[in-house]
């Protein structure tokens, strides 16, 4: 879940990054969105989906021994 926190800090601290991420998502540029998310330094890239209202990022814990620990879904609304 540290990755989700790192991503949110990057978005909060850089208006430019957030705007460019939103813009790429609105244009359905999935590879660009994933590249930008990875550029924040996180180790696990979340699954990404878009809606007309926003961006949804789904983080899953590493799957050790076929056990799933936890999930986190962030839903970010366009402003």
N, C-alpha and C. Protein backbone atom coordinates (compact mmCIF):
# COMPACT_ATOMS: atom_id res chain seq x y z
N UNK A 1 0.81 -1.18 0.00
CA UNK A 1 0.00 0.00 0.00
C UNK A 1 0.86 1.26 0.00
N UNK A 2 2.14 1.03 0.24
CA UNK A 2 3.09 2.15 0.18
C UNK A 2 3.11 2.78 -1.21
N UNK A 3 2.95 1.95 -2.24
CA UNK A 3 2.94 2.46 -3.61
C UNK A 3 1.79 3.44 -3.83
N UNK A 4 0.63 3.13 -3.30
CA UNK A 4 -0.52 4.02 -3.45
C UNK A 4 -0.23 5.36 -2.78
N UNK A 5 0.37 5.32 -1.61
CA UNK A 5 0.73 6.54 -0.90
C UNK A 5 1.73 7.37 -1.70
N UNK A 6 2.74 6.71 -2.25
CA UNK A 6 3.75 7.40 -3.05
C UNK A 6 3.12 8.08 -4.26
N UNK A 7 2.23 7.39 -4.93
CA UNK A 7 1.55 7.95 -6.09
C UNK A 7 0.72 9.16 -5.70
N UNK A 8 -0.03 9.07 -4.61
CA UNK A 8 -0.86 10.19 -4.16
C UNK A 8 -0.02 11.40 -3.77
N UNK A 9 1.11 11.17 -3.13
CA UNK A 9 2.01 12.28 -2.77
C UNK A 9 2.50 12.98 -4.03
N UNK A 10 2.90 12.21 -5.04
CA UNK A 10 3.35 12.80 -6.30
C UNK A 10 2.26 13.63 -6.94
N UNK A 11 1.05 13.12 -6.92
CA UNK A 11 -0.07 13.85 -7.52
C UNK A 11 -0.37 15.12 -6.73
N UNK A 12 -0.31 15.04 -5.41
CA UNK A 12 -0.60 16.20 -4.57
C UNK A 12 0.46 17.29 -4.70
N UNK A 13 1.71 16.88 -4.88
CA UNK A 13 2.80 17.84 -4.92
C UNK A 13 3.06 18.43 -6.29
N UNK A 14 2.53 17.81 -7.34
CA UNK A 14 2.79 18.31 -8.70
C UNK A 14 1.49 18.48 -9.47
N UNK A 15 1.06 19.72 -9.56
CA UNK A 15 -0.15 20.02 -10.32
C UNK A 15 0.04 19.64 -11.78
N UNK A 16 1.25 19.87 -12.30
CA UNK A 16 1.55 19.54 -13.70
C UNK A 16 1.41 18.03 -13.93
N UNK A 17 2.00 17.23 -13.05
CA UNK A 17 1.91 15.77 -13.17
C UNK A 17 0.45 15.33 -13.15
N UNK A 18 -0.31 15.84 -12.20
CA UNK A 18 -1.72 15.46 -12.08
C UNK A 18 -2.49 15.84 -13.34
N UNK A 19 -2.26 17.03 -13.86
CA UNK A 19 -2.97 17.48 -15.06
C UNK A 19 -2.61 16.59 -16.25
N UNK A 20 -1.32 16.28 -16.42
CA UNK A 20 -0.89 15.45 -17.54
C UNK A 20 -1.42 14.03 -17.42
N UNK A 21 -1.48 13.50 -16.20
CA UNK A 21 -2.04 12.17 -15.97
C UNK A 21 -3.52 12.16 -16.33
N UNK A 22 -4.24 13.16 -15.87
CA UNK A 22 -5.66 13.27 -16.17
C UNK A 22 -5.88 13.41 -17.67
N UNK A 23 -5.09 14.23 -18.31
CA UNK A 23 -5.22 14.45 -19.75
C UNK A 23 -4.98 13.16 -20.54
N UNK A 24 -3.93 12.43 -20.18
CA UNK A 24 -3.63 11.17 -20.86
C UNK A 24 -4.76 10.16 -20.65
N UNK A 25 -5.29 10.11 -19.44
CA UNK A 25 -6.38 9.17 -19.15
C UNK A 25 -7.63 9.54 -19.94
N UNK A 26 -7.95 10.82 -20.02
CA UNK A 26 -9.14 11.26 -20.75
C UNK A 26 -9.02 10.97 -22.25
N UNK A 27 -7.78 10.87 -22.73
CA UNK A 27 -7.55 10.55 -24.13
C UNK A 27 -7.36 9.04 -24.34
N UNK A 28 -7.59 8.26 -23.31
CA UNK A 28 -7.45 6.79 -23.33
C UNK A 28 -6.05 6.34 -23.74
N UNK A 29 -5.04 7.06 -23.32
CA UNK A 29 -3.64 6.71 -23.60
C UNK A 29 -3.12 5.86 -22.44
N UNK A 30 -3.56 4.61 -22.43
CA UNK A 30 -3.25 3.72 -21.31
C UNK A 30 -1.74 3.55 -21.09
N UNK A 31 -0.99 3.36 -22.15
CA UNK A 31 0.47 3.19 -21.98
C UNK A 31 1.12 4.42 -21.37
N UNK A 32 0.65 5.60 -21.77
CA UNK A 32 1.19 6.84 -21.23
C UNK A 32 0.82 6.98 -19.75
N UNK A 33 -0.41 6.64 -19.40
CA UNK A 33 -0.83 6.68 -18.00
C UNK A 33 0.03 5.73 -17.18
N UNK A 34 0.23 4.52 -17.66
CA UNK A 34 1.05 3.55 -16.93
C UNK A 34 2.50 4.01 -16.83
N UNK A 35 3.02 4.60 -17.90
CA UNK A 35 4.40 5.12 -17.87
C UNK A 35 4.53 6.22 -16.82
N UNK A 36 3.56 7.11 -16.79
CA UNK A 36 3.60 8.21 -15.82
C UNK A 36 3.51 7.69 -14.39
N UNK A 37 2.63 6.73 -14.18
CA UNK A 37 2.49 6.16 -12.84
C UNK A 37 3.80 5.49 -12.43
N UNK A 38 4.40 4.74 -13.34
CA UNK A 38 5.67 4.07 -13.04
C UNK A 38 6.79 5.07 -12.75
N UNK A 39 6.74 6.24 -13.39
CA UNK A 39 7.78 7.25 -13.21
C UNK A 39 7.81 7.81 -11.79
N UNK A 40 6.78 7.55 -11.00
CA UNK A 40 6.76 8.03 -9.62
C UNK A 40 7.66 7.21 -8.71
N UNK A 41 8.14 6.07 -9.23
CA UNK A 41 9.04 5.24 -8.44
C UNK A 41 8.35 4.10 -7.72
N UNK A 42 7.08 3.89 -7.99
CA UNK A 42 6.40 2.79 -7.32
C UNK A 42 6.82 1.47 -7.95
N UNK A 43 6.74 0.40 -7.17
CA UNK A 43 7.21 -0.90 -7.65
C UNK A 43 6.10 -1.71 -8.30
N UNK A 44 4.87 -1.47 -7.91
CA UNK A 44 3.75 -2.23 -8.46
C UNK A 44 2.81 -1.26 -9.19
N UNK A 45 2.61 -1.51 -10.47
CA UNK A 45 1.70 -0.68 -11.25
C UNK A 45 0.28 -1.20 -11.03
N UNK A 46 -0.63 -0.31 -10.63
CA UNK A 46 -2.00 -0.74 -10.40
C UNK A 46 -2.73 -0.99 -11.72
N UNK A 47 -3.82 -1.73 -11.66
CA UNK A 47 -4.66 -1.83 -12.85
C UNK A 47 -5.41 -0.50 -12.94
N UNK A 48 -5.53 0.00 -14.15
CA UNK A 48 -6.06 1.33 -14.38
C UNK A 48 -7.32 1.23 -15.23
N UNK A 49 -8.34 1.98 -14.85
CA UNK A 49 -9.53 2.10 -15.69
C UNK A 49 -9.99 3.55 -15.64
N UNK A 50 -10.71 3.96 -16.67
CA UNK A 50 -11.18 5.33 -16.78
C UNK A 50 -12.68 5.34 -16.90
N UNK A 51 -13.26 6.40 -16.44
CA UNK A 51 -14.68 6.64 -16.64
C UNK A 51 -14.80 8.09 -17.10
N UNK A 52 -15.96 8.48 -17.57
CA UNK A 52 -16.12 9.90 -17.92
C UNK A 52 -15.91 10.82 -16.71
N UNK A 53 -16.09 10.27 -15.50
CA UNK A 53 -15.95 11.08 -14.29
C UNK A 53 -14.57 11.06 -13.65
N UNK A 54 -13.74 10.06 -14.00
CA UNK A 54 -12.46 10.00 -13.31
C UNK A 54 -11.61 8.80 -13.65
N UNK A 55 -10.68 8.55 -12.76
CA UNK A 55 -9.67 7.52 -12.93
C UNK A 55 -9.76 6.57 -11.75
N UNK A 56 -9.69 5.28 -12.01
CA UNK A 56 -9.73 4.27 -10.96
C UNK A 56 -8.44 3.47 -11.00
N UNK A 57 -7.76 3.38 -9.86
CA UNK A 57 -6.49 2.66 -9.73
C UNK A 57 -6.68 1.55 -8.70
N UNK A 58 -6.43 0.32 -9.11
CA UNK A 58 -6.64 -0.83 -8.23
C UNK A 58 -5.29 -1.48 -7.91
N UNK A 59 -4.90 -1.39 -6.65
CA UNK A 59 -3.66 -1.99 -6.17
C UNK A 59 -3.99 -3.31 -5.49
N UNK A 60 -3.19 -4.33 -5.74
CA UNK A 60 -3.33 -5.62 -5.07
C UNK A 60 -2.02 -5.94 -4.37
N UNK A 61 -2.13 -6.59 -3.23
CA UNK A 61 -0.92 -7.01 -2.51
C UNK A 61 -0.21 -8.08 -3.33
N UNK A 62 1.09 -8.22 -3.08
CA UNK A 62 1.82 -9.30 -3.74
C UNK A 62 1.21 -10.63 -3.32
N UNK A 63 1.10 -11.50 -4.26
CA UNK A 63 0.47 -12.79 -3.99
C UNK A 63 1.54 -13.81 -3.61
N UNK A 64 1.67 -14.05 -2.31
CA UNK A 64 2.61 -15.04 -1.82
C UNK A 64 1.86 -16.32 -1.48
N UNK A 65 2.39 -17.41 -1.93
CA UNK A 65 1.81 -18.71 -1.62
C UNK A 65 0.31 -18.75 -1.94
N UNK A 66 -0.07 -18.13 -3.04
CA UNK A 66 -1.46 -18.10 -3.50
C UNK A 66 -2.44 -17.50 -2.50
N UNK A 67 -1.93 -16.66 -1.59
CA UNK A 67 -2.81 -15.99 -0.63
C UNK A 67 -2.87 -14.51 -0.98
N UNK A 68 -4.06 -14.00 -1.06
CA UNK A 68 -4.26 -12.60 -1.37
C UNK A 68 -4.56 -11.88 -0.06
N UNK A 69 -3.72 -10.93 0.27
CA UNK A 69 -3.85 -10.24 1.55
C UNK A 69 -4.86 -9.10 1.49
N UNK A 70 -4.64 -8.18 0.60
CA UNK A 70 -5.49 -7.00 0.60
C UNK A 70 -5.47 -6.28 -0.75
N UNK A 71 -6.50 -5.49 -0.96
CA UNK A 71 -6.65 -4.69 -2.17
C UNK A 71 -6.93 -3.25 -1.74
N UNK A 72 -6.59 -2.33 -2.63
CA UNK A 72 -6.92 -0.93 -2.41
C UNK A 72 -7.30 -0.35 -3.76
N UNK A 73 -8.46 0.27 -3.81
CA UNK A 73 -8.89 0.94 -5.03
C UNK A 73 -9.02 2.43 -4.76
N UNK A 74 -8.32 3.20 -5.57
CA UNK A 74 -8.41 4.66 -5.49
C UNK A 74 -9.27 5.13 -6.64
N UNK A 75 -10.26 5.93 -6.35
CA UNK A 75 -11.10 6.51 -7.39
C UNK A 75 -10.91 8.01 -7.34
N UNK A 76 -10.33 8.53 -8.40
CA UNK A 76 -10.01 9.95 -8.48
C UNK A 76 -10.96 10.61 -9.47
N UNK A 77 -11.62 11.63 -9.03
CA UNK A 77 -12.61 12.30 -9.87
C UNK A 77 -11.99 13.52 -10.56
N UNK A 78 -12.33 13.69 -11.83
CA UNK A 78 -11.84 14.86 -12.58
C UNK A 78 -12.46 16.13 -11.97
N UNK A 79 -11.71 17.18 -11.98
CA UNK A 79 -12.22 18.48 -11.50
C UNK A 79 -12.14 19.48 -12.61
